[in-house]
Amino acid sequence: MTIAAYQTMYESSIAFGIRKALIAEQRKAEMEAKIRQLQEDKADLERQVTELSAKCEQVKPREAERRAADEKKHSAEVDQLKRTNEQLKTTLEQMLSAPKK
């Protein structure tokens, strides 16, 4: 090979190396931007988790009270229906056992 061929090969390899370095630098910048965006998203999601956890803790006592009130109301209604049923049963038995005229 001649010196000119070596010179051309050298220049070509230098250009190739520079292109690769520029591409790597560009990709590095893109990845850094993506990392920043993902970190911002993560911080936002963590903030949302904190807010929702606080909201959940705030709702728990109210829902427990509501549930207890609903259960108490249901129990009272069931007791009332049982009493009514028992009264109707007693009345029916009295009517059936009464002597026919």
Protein backbone atom coordinates (compact mmCIF):
# COMPACT_ATOMS: atom_id res chain seq x y z
CA MET A 1 0.00 0.00 0.00
CA THR A 2 1.07 3.48 -0.74
CA ILE A 3 1.34 6.32 1.68
CA ALA A 4 -1.71 7.95 0.06
CA ALA A 5 -3.76 4.81 0.74
CA TYR A 6 -2.65 4.81 4.37
CA GLN A 7 -3.43 8.51 4.58
CA THR A 8 -6.94 7.92 3.16
CA MET A 9 -7.52 4.99 5.51
CA TYR A 10 -6.36 7.09 8.47
CA GLU A 11 -8.64 10.00 7.54
CA SER A 12 -11.54 7.62 7.01
CA SER A 13 -11.02 6.00 10.42
CA ILE A 14 -10.77 9.42 12.07
CA ALA A 15 -14.05 10.49 10.43
CA PHE A 16 -15.68 7.21 11.49
CA GLY A 17 -14.49 7.70 15.08
CA ILE A 18 -15.75 11.29 15.16
CA ARG A 19 -19.17 10.22 13.79
CA LYS A 20 -19.41 7.48 16.40
CA ALA A 21 -18.39 9.90 19.16
CA LEU A 22 -21.01 12.44 18.02
CA ILE A 23 -23.71 9.76 17.87
CA ALA A 24 -22.72 8.53 21.33
CA GLU A 25 -22.82 12.10 22.67
CA GLN A 26 -26.24 12.67 21.13
CA ARG A 27 -27.58 9.42 22.58
CA LYS A 28 -26.10 10.30 25.96
CA ALA A 29 -27.89 13.66 25.91
CA GLU A 30 -31.16 11.95 24.91
CA MET A 31 -30.79 9.39 27.70
CA GLU A 32 -30.04 12.11 30.25
CA ALA A 33 -33.17 13.99 29.15
CA LYS A 34 -35.19 10.80 29.40
CA ILE A 35 -33.77 10.11 32.88
CA ARG A 36 -34.74 13.63 34.01
CA GLN A 37 -38.27 13.16 32.63
CA LEU A 38 -38.63 9.77 34.32
CA GLN A 39 -37.39 11.21 37.62
CA GLU A 40 -39.99 13.99 37.37
CA ASP A 41 -42.69 11.42 36.59
CA LYS A 42 -41.55 9.33 39.56
CA ALA A 43 -41.69 12.34 41.90
CA ASP A 44 -45.17 13.20 40.62
CA LEU A 45 -46.36 9.62 41.14
CA GLU A 46 -44.89 9.54 44.64
CA ARG A 47 -46.74 12.78 45.43
CA GLN A 48 -49.96 11.24 44.14
CA VAL A 49 -49.40 8.15 46.28
CA THR A 50 -48.91 10.35 49.34
CA GLU A 51 -52.06 12.35 48.60
CA LEU A 52 -54.15 9.25 47.96
CA SER A 53 -52.85 7.54 51.09
CA ALA A 54 -53.80 10.58 53.16
CA LYS A 55 -57.22 10.68 51.52
CA CYS A 56 -57.69 6.97 52.21
CA GLU A 57 -56.80 7.43 55.87
CA GLN A 58 -59.24 10.33 56.05
CA VAL A 59 -62.07 8.26 54.52
CA LYS A 60 -61.56 5.13 56.66
CA PRO A 61 -63.09 6.48 59.91
CA ARG A 62 -66.08 8.00 58.10
CA GLU A 63 -66.77 4.76 56.26
CA ALA A 64 -66.43 2.76 59.49
CA GLU A 65 -68.99 5.05 61.15
CA ARG A 66 -71.32 4.79 58.17
CA ARG A 67 -71.00 1.03 58.09
CA ALA A 68 -71.73 0.78 61.83
CA ALA A 69 -74.79 3.00 61.41
CA ASP A 70 -75.99 0.90 58.47
CA GLU A 71 -75.51 -2.32 60.45
CA LYS A 72 -77.38 -0.85 63.43
CA LYS A 73 -80.23 0.28 61.18
CA HIS A 74 -80.36 -3.12 59.50
CA SER A 75 -80.42 -4.94 62.85
CA ALA A 76 -83.25 -2.71 64.09
CA GLU A 77 -85.20 -3.34 60.89
CA VAL A 78 -84.67 -7.10 61.16
CA ASP A 79 -85.80 -7.06 64.81
CA GLN A 80 -88.90 -5.07 63.89
CA LEU A 81 -89.74 -7.49 61.08
CA LYS A 82 -89.26 -10.45 63.43
CA ARG A 83 -91.63 -8.88 65.98
CA THR A 84 -94.19 -8.14 63.28
CA ASN A 85 -93.86 -11.67 61.94
CA GLU A 86 -94.32 -13.11 65.41
CA GLN A 87 -97.43 -10.98 66.01
CA LEU A 88 -98.91 -12.01 62.68
CA LYS A 89 -98.10 -15.64 63.41
CA THR A 90 -99.82 -15.40 66.80
CA THR A 91 -102.86 -13.72 65.26
CA LEU A 92 -103.06 -16.37 62.54
CA GLU A 93 -102.81 -19.18 65.09
CA GLN A 94 -105.57 -17.60 67.16
CA MET A 95 -107.79 -17.28 64.10
CA LEU A 96 -107.15 -20.88 63.08
CA SER A 97 -107.72 -22.26 66.56
CA ALA A 98 -110.91 -20.27 67.20
CA PRO A 99 -114.01 -22.47 67.15
CA LYS A 100 -116.14 -22.09 64.07
CA LYS A 101 -119.71 -20.94 64.60
